[in-house]
Amino acid sequence: MFVILLLSSCSLFSFGDDDNTLPKATTSGKRTFGCRVNGEVWIPKGYDGTPNWDAAWFSDYGGVVQVRVYRAVSKTEVEFMQMNPINVTGPGEYDLVSSDYILAYFSKSSCGYAEYGAVVSGKMNITKLDFDNQIVSGTFFFNLRKANCEDVAITDGRFDLKF
């Protein structure tokens, strides 16, 4: 009985205690991600054959950290979020606003914000970038605006992922 209880309480991926709680901000590669979208807790969930998150490092554009996540809201609706700060050389604060590149986006069934100028403000603070252990951790926020769509405020973001 103890073994069953122990196994049922284990999870390889921890996105928060439940859909209403953001995970703690950590820096040890715990595979966590969470934020608020217009004040509501947003945690990756659902499964379509791929992980709910993906983190990567690219040496292009002076160094790019890419964080991509999705959330299945229903069987027919999926929301996506991605951040791609450039010129990343290590821990520090990086802009998510650019007139030349799409450095962040959010997409849901009613509106997609993946276009130039949609991000009106935003930053990613990378607190850990560990190439040896392939860990990227940090916090973020960004605000989106698009004609004929509601404004979106993504706040209190945090991630602790492996790449």
C-alpha atoms as a PDB file:
ATOM      1  CA  MET A   1       0.000   0.000   0.000  1.00  0.00           C
ATOM      2  CA  PHE A   2       2.818   2.420   0.879  1.00  0.00           C
ATOM      3  CA  VAL A   3       4.479   1.789  -2.512  1.00  0.00           C
ATOM      4  CA  ILE A   4       1.235   2.529  -4.373  1.00  0.00           C
ATOM      5  CA  LEU A   5       0.744   5.744  -2.401  1.00  0.00           C
ATOM      6  CA  LEU A   6       4.344   6.771  -2.994  1.00  0.00           C
ATOM      7  CA  LEU A   7       4.195   6.062  -6.733  1.00  0.00           C
ATOM      8  CA  SER A   8       0.889   7.844  -7.179  1.00  0.00           C
ATOM      9  CA  SER A   9       2.296  10.997  -5.586  1.00  0.00           C
ATOM     10  CA  CYS A  10       5.342  11.164  -7.875  1.00  0.00           C
ATOM     11  CA  SER A  11       5.407  13.275 -10.984  1.00  0.00           C
ATOM     12  CA  LEU A  12       8.173  13.813 -13.494  1.00  0.00           C
ATOM     13  CA  PHE A  13       6.755  17.197 -14.485  1.00  0.00           C
ATOM     14  CA  SER A  14       5.456  19.649 -11.893  1.00  0.00           C
ATOM     15  CA  PHE A  15       3.535  22.572 -13.290  1.00  0.00           C
ATOM     16  CA  GLY A  16       1.903  23.597  -9.993  1.00  0.00           C
ATOM     17  CA  ASP A  17      -0.065  22.019  -7.205  1.00  0.00           C
ATOM     18  CA  ASP A  18      -3.260  22.451  -9.208  1.00  0.00           C
ATOM     19  CA  ASP A  19      -4.666  24.623 -11.975  1.00  0.00           C
ATOM     20  CA  ASN A  20      -5.053  27.570  -9.566  1.00  0.00           C
ATOM     21  CA  THR A  21      -1.519  27.629  -8.152  1.00  0.00           C
ATOM     22  CA  LEU A  22       1.644  28.850  -9.819  1.00  0.00           C
ATOM     23  CA  PRO A  23       4.723  26.699  -9.294  1.00  0.00           C
ATOM     24  CA  LYS A  24       7.492  28.122  -7.134  1.00  0.00           C
ATOM     25  CA  ALA A  25      10.281  29.964  -8.913  1.00  0.00           C
ATOM     26  CA  THR A  26      13.204  27.520  -8.793  1.00  0.00           C
ATOM     27  CA  THR A  27      16.551  27.168 -10.577  1.00  0.00           C
ATOM     28  CA  SER A  28      17.367  23.454 -10.456  1.00  0.00           C
ATOM     29  CA  GLY A  29      15.777  22.141 -13.669  1.00  0.00           C
ATOM     30  CA  LYS A  30      12.536  20.986 -11.998  1.00  0.00           C
ATOM     31  CA  ARG A  31      10.614  21.280 -15.293  1.00  0.00           C
ATOM     32  CA  THR A  32       8.160  23.863 -14.022  1.00  0.00           C
ATOM     33  CA  PHE A  33       6.301  26.615 -15.853  1.00  0.00           C
ATOM     34  CA  GLY A  34       3.441  28.939 -14.961  1.00  0.00           C
ATOM     35  CA  CYS A  35       2.137  32.477 -15.352  1.00  0.00           C
ATOM     36  CA  ARG A  36      -1.046  34.524 -15.231  1.00  0.00           C
ATOM     37  CA  VAL A  37      -2.925  35.449 -18.401  1.00  0.00           C
ATOM     38  CA  ASN A  38      -5.170  38.436 -17.716  1.00  0.00           C
ATOM     39  CA  GLY A  39      -5.008  37.583 -14.011  1.00  0.00           C
ATOM     40  CA  GLU A  40      -5.899  33.891 -14.361  1.00  0.00           C
ATOM     41  CA  VAL A  41      -3.365  31.177 -13.552  1.00  0.00           C
ATOM     42  CA  TRP A  42      -2.083  29.580 -16.771  1.00  0.00           C
ATOM     43  CA  ILE A  43      -0.386  26.193 -16.441  1.00  0.00           C
ATOM     44  CA  PRO A  44       0.588  23.949 -19.388  1.00  0.00           C
ATOM     45  CA  LYS A  45      -1.700  20.924 -19.559  1.00  0.00           C
ATOM     46  CA  GLY A  46      -3.153  18.438 -21.976  1.00  0.00           C
ATOM     47  CA  TYR A  47      -1.351  16.053 -24.228  1.00  0.00           C
ATOM     48  CA  ASP A  48      -1.227  15.749 -27.997  1.00  0.00           C
ATOM     49  CA  GLY A  49       1.744  13.418 -28.333  1.00  0.00           C
ATOM     50  CA  THR A  50       4.378  16.035 -27.536  1.00  0.00           C
ATOM     51  CA  PRO A  51       5.543  17.479 -24.203  1.00  0.00           C
ATOM     52  CA  ASN A  52       3.625  20.487 -22.928  1.00  0.00           C
ATOM     53  CA  TRP A  53       6.855  22.470 -22.957  1.00  0.00           C
ATOM     54  CA  ASP A  54      10.055  22.743 -24.914  1.00  0.00           C
ATOM     55  CA  ALA A  55      13.172  24.723 -24.060  1.00  0.00           C
ATOM     56  CA  ALA A  56      16.137  25.192 -26.356  1.00  0.00           C
ATOM     57  CA  TRP A  57      19.357  27.147 -26.755  1.00  0.00           C
ATOM     58  CA  PHE A  58      20.558  28.386 -30.153  1.00  0.00           C
ATOM     59  CA  SER A  59      23.797  30.218 -30.875  1.00  0.00           C
ATOM     60  CA  ASP A  60      22.124  32.311 -33.634  1.00  0.00           C
ATOM     61  CA  TYR A  61      21.429  36.032 -33.100  1.00  0.00           C
ATOM     62  CA  GLY A  62      24.041  36.311 -30.349  1.00  0.00           C
ATOM     63  CA  GLY A  63      22.349  33.500 -28.371  1.00  0.00           C
ATOM     64  CA  VAL A  64      18.659  32.611 -28.200  1.00  0.00           C
ATOM     65  CA  VAL A  65      16.797  30.940 -25.352  1.00  0.00           C
ATOM     66  CA  GLN A  66      13.522  29.550 -26.646  1.00  0.00           C
ATOM     67  CA  VAL A  67      10.699  28.541 -24.299  1.00  0.00           C
ATOM     68  CA  ARG A  68       7.529  27.073 -25.864  1.00  0.00           C
ATOM     69  CA  VAL A  69       4.484  25.754 -23.998  1.00  0.00           C
ATOM     70  CA  TYR A  70       0.907  24.834 -24.780  1.00  0.00           C
ATOM     71  CA  ARG A  71      -2.291  24.183 -22.894  1.00  0.00           C
ATOM     72  CA  ALA A  72      -5.212  22.091 -24.110  1.00  0.00           C
ATOM     73  CA  VAL A  73      -8.271  24.002 -22.920  1.00  0.00           C
ATOM     74  CA  SER A  74     -10.653  21.442 -24.427  1.00  0.00           C
ATOM     75  CA  LYS A  75     -10.563  18.710 -27.077  1.00  0.00           C
ATOM     76  CA  THR A  76     -10.819  21.362 -29.777  1.00  0.00           C
ATOM     77  CA  GLU A  77      -9.055  24.391 -28.244  1.00  0.00           C
ATOM     78  CA  VAL A  78      -5.335  24.756 -27.586  1.00  0.00           C
ATOM     79  CA  GLU A  79      -3.431  27.839 -26.384  1.00  0.00           C
ATOM     80  CA  PHE A  80       0.249  28.374 -27.220  1.00  0.00           C
ATOM     81  CA  MET A  81       2.904  30.630 -25.724  1.00  0.00           C
ATOM     82  CA  GLN A  82       6.485  31.161 -26.869  1.00  0.00           C
ATOM     83  CA  MET A  83       9.369  33.441 -25.888  1.00  0.00           C
ATOM     84  CA  ASN A  84      12.631  33.859 -27.825  1.00  0.00           C
ATOM     85  CA  PRO A  85      14.891  36.546 -26.322  1.00  0.00           C
ATOM     86  CA  ILE A  86      17.988  37.217 -28.434  1.00  0.00           C
ATOM     87  CA  ASN A  87      21.560  38.236 -27.576  1.00  0.00           C
ATOM     88  CA  VAL A  88      21.422  35.998 -24.507  1.00  0.00           C
ATOM     89  CA  THR A  89      24.900  35.579 -23.031  1.00  0.00           C
ATOM     90  CA  GLY A  90      23.992  34.383 -19.523  1.00  0.00           C
ATOM     91  CA  PRO A  91      21.790  35.342 -16.588  1.00  0.00           C
ATOM     92  CA  GLY A  92      20.267  38.802 -16.948  1.00  0.00           C
ATOM     93  CA  GLU A  93      17.251  40.758 -18.168  1.00  0.00           C
ATOM     94  CA  TYR A  94      16.300  40.524 -21.844  1.00  0.00           C
ATOM     95  CA  ASP A  95      13.753  42.472 -23.876  1.00  0.00           C
ATOM     96  CA  LEU A  96      10.802  40.683 -25.482  1.00  0.00           C
ATOM     97  CA  VAL A  97       9.928  43.738 -27.605  1.00  0.00           C
ATOM     98  CA  SER A  98      11.446  44.193 -31.063  1.00  0.00           C
ATOM     99  CA  SER A  99      10.441  45.803 -34.327  1.00  0.00           C
ATOM    100  CA  ASP A 100      12.644  43.327 -36.224  1.00  0.00           C
ATOM    101  CA  TYR A 101      11.760  39.985 -34.623  1.00  0.00           C
ATOM    102  CA  ILE A 102       8.830  38.250 -32.940  1.00  0.00           C
ATOM    103  CA  LEU A 103      10.350  37.587 -29.515  1.00  0.00           C
ATOM    104  CA  ALA A 104       7.160  36.478 -27.751  1.00  0.00           C
ATOM    105  CA  TYR A 105       3.687  35.389 -28.711  1.00  0.00           C
ATOM    106  CA  PHE A 106       0.472  33.944 -27.371  1.00  0.00           C
ATOM    107  CA  SER A 107      -2.221  32.239 -29.390  1.00  0.00           C
ATOM    108  CA  LYS A 108      -5.696  31.044 -28.522  1.00  0.00           C
ATOM    109  CA  SER A 109      -8.676  30.055 -30.639  1.00  0.00           C
ATOM    110  CA  SER A 110     -10.206  33.532 -30.608  1.00  0.00           C
ATOM    111  CA  CYS A 111      -7.009  35.390 -31.539  1.00  0.00           C
ATOM    112  CA  GLY A 112      -3.345  34.886 -32.363  1.00  0.00           C
ATOM    113  CA  TYR A 113      -0.741  37.456 -31.356  1.00  0.00           C
ATOM    114  CA  ALA A 114       2.175  36.134 -33.452  1.00  0.00           C
ATOM    115  CA  GLU A 115       2.985  39.208 -35.486  1.00  0.00           C
ATOM    116  CA  TYR A 116       5.307  42.199 -35.453  1.00  0.00           C
ATOM    117  CA  GLY A 117       4.223  44.891 -33.030  1.00  0.00           C
ATOM    118  CA  ALA A 118       1.846  42.685 -31.021  1.00  0.00           C
ATOM    119  CA  VAL A 119       4.168  42.700 -27.994  1.00  0.00           C
ATOM    120  CA  VAL A 120       3.933  46.204 -26.545  1.00  0.00           C
ATOM    121  CA  SER A 121       6.072  45.534 -23.459  1.00  0.00           C
ATOM    122  CA  GLY A 122       7.846  42.607 -21.917  1.00  0.00           C
ATOM    123  CA  LYS A 123      11.000  41.215 -20.392  1.00  0.00           C
ATOM    124  CA  MET A 124      12.502  37.859 -19.518  1.00  0.00           C
ATOM    125  CA  ASN A 125      14.844  37.711 -16.546  1.00  0.00           C
ATOM    126  CA  ILE A 126      17.053  34.643 -16.912  1.00  0.00           C
ATOM    127  CA  THR A 127      18.203  33.695 -13.430  1.00  0.00           C
ATOM    128  CA  LYS A 128      20.103  30.569 -14.469  1.00  0.00           C
ATOM    129  CA  LEU A 129      21.579  29.443 -17.773  1.00  0.00           C
ATOM    130  CA  ASP A 130      23.618  26.307 -17.126  1.00  0.00           C
ATOM    131  CA  PHE A 131      25.073  24.742 -20.288  1.00  0.00           C
ATOM    132  CA  ASP A 132      26.676  21.801 -18.459  1.00  0.00           C
ATOM    133  CA  ASN A 133      23.395  20.644 -16.895  1.00  0.00           C
ATOM    134  CA  GLN A 134      21.214  22.139 -19.674  1.00  0.00           C
ATOM    135  CA  ILE A 135      19.032  24.196 -17.301  1.00  0.00           C
ATOM    136  CA  VAL A 136      17.355  27.502 -18.055  1.00  0.00           C
ATOM    137  CA  SER A 137      15.346  29.248 -15.348  1.00  0.00           C
ATOM    138  CA  GLY A 138      13.812  32.656 -14.954  1.00  0.00           C
ATOM    139  CA  THR A 139      10.828  34.944 -14.772  1.00  0.00           C
ATOM    140  CA  PHE A 140       8.941  36.899 -17.422  1.00  0.00           C
ATOM    141  CA  PHE A 141       6.064  39.168 -18.322  1.00  0.00           C
ATOM    142  CA  PHE A 142       4.714  40.606 -21.547  1.00  0.00           C
ATOM    143  CA  ASN A 143       1.705  42.543 -22.796  1.00  0.00           C
ATOM    144  CA  LEU A 144       0.045  42.010 -26.157  1.00  0.00           C
ATOM    145  CA  ARG A 145      -2.226  44.181 -28.241  1.00  0.00           C
ATOM    146  CA  LYS A 146      -3.843  43.438 -31.589  1.00  0.00           C
ATOM    147  CA  ALA A 147      -6.702  45.080 -33.456  1.00  0.00           C
ATOM    148  CA  ASN A 148     -10.062  43.305 -33.010  1.00  0.00           C
ATOM    149  CA  CYS A 149      -8.691  41.202 -30.108  1.00  0.00           C
ATOM    150  CA  GLU A 150      -8.690  41.714 -26.372  1.00  0.00           C
ATOM    151  CA  ASP A 151      -5.463  43.006 -24.832  1.00  0.00           C
ATOM    152  CA  VAL A 152      -3.517  40.250 -23.089  1.00  0.00           C
ATOM    153  CA  ALA A 153      -1.369  40.762 -19.982  1.00  0.00           C
ATOM    154  CA  ILE A 154       0.949  37.875 -19.173  1.00  0.00           C
ATOM    155  CA  THR A 155       2.359  38.375 -15.670  1.00  0.00           C
ATOM    156  CA  ASP A 156       4.045  36.542 -12.798  1.00  0.00           C
ATOM    157  CA  GLY A 157       5.701  34.156 -15.253  1.00  0.00           C
ATOM    158  CA  ARG A 158       8.305  31.674 -14.068  1.00  0.00           C
ATOM    159  CA  PHE A 159      10.013  28.667 -15.588  1.00  0.00           C
ATOM    160  CA  ASP A 160      12.658  26.132 -14.619  1.00  0.00           C
ATOM    161  CA  LEU A 161      13.282  23.862 -17.601  1.00  0.00           C
ATOM    162  CA  LYS A 162      15.842  21.550 -19.183  1.00  0.00           C
ATOM    163  CA  PHE A 163      16.995  22.056 -22.754  1.00  0.00           C
END
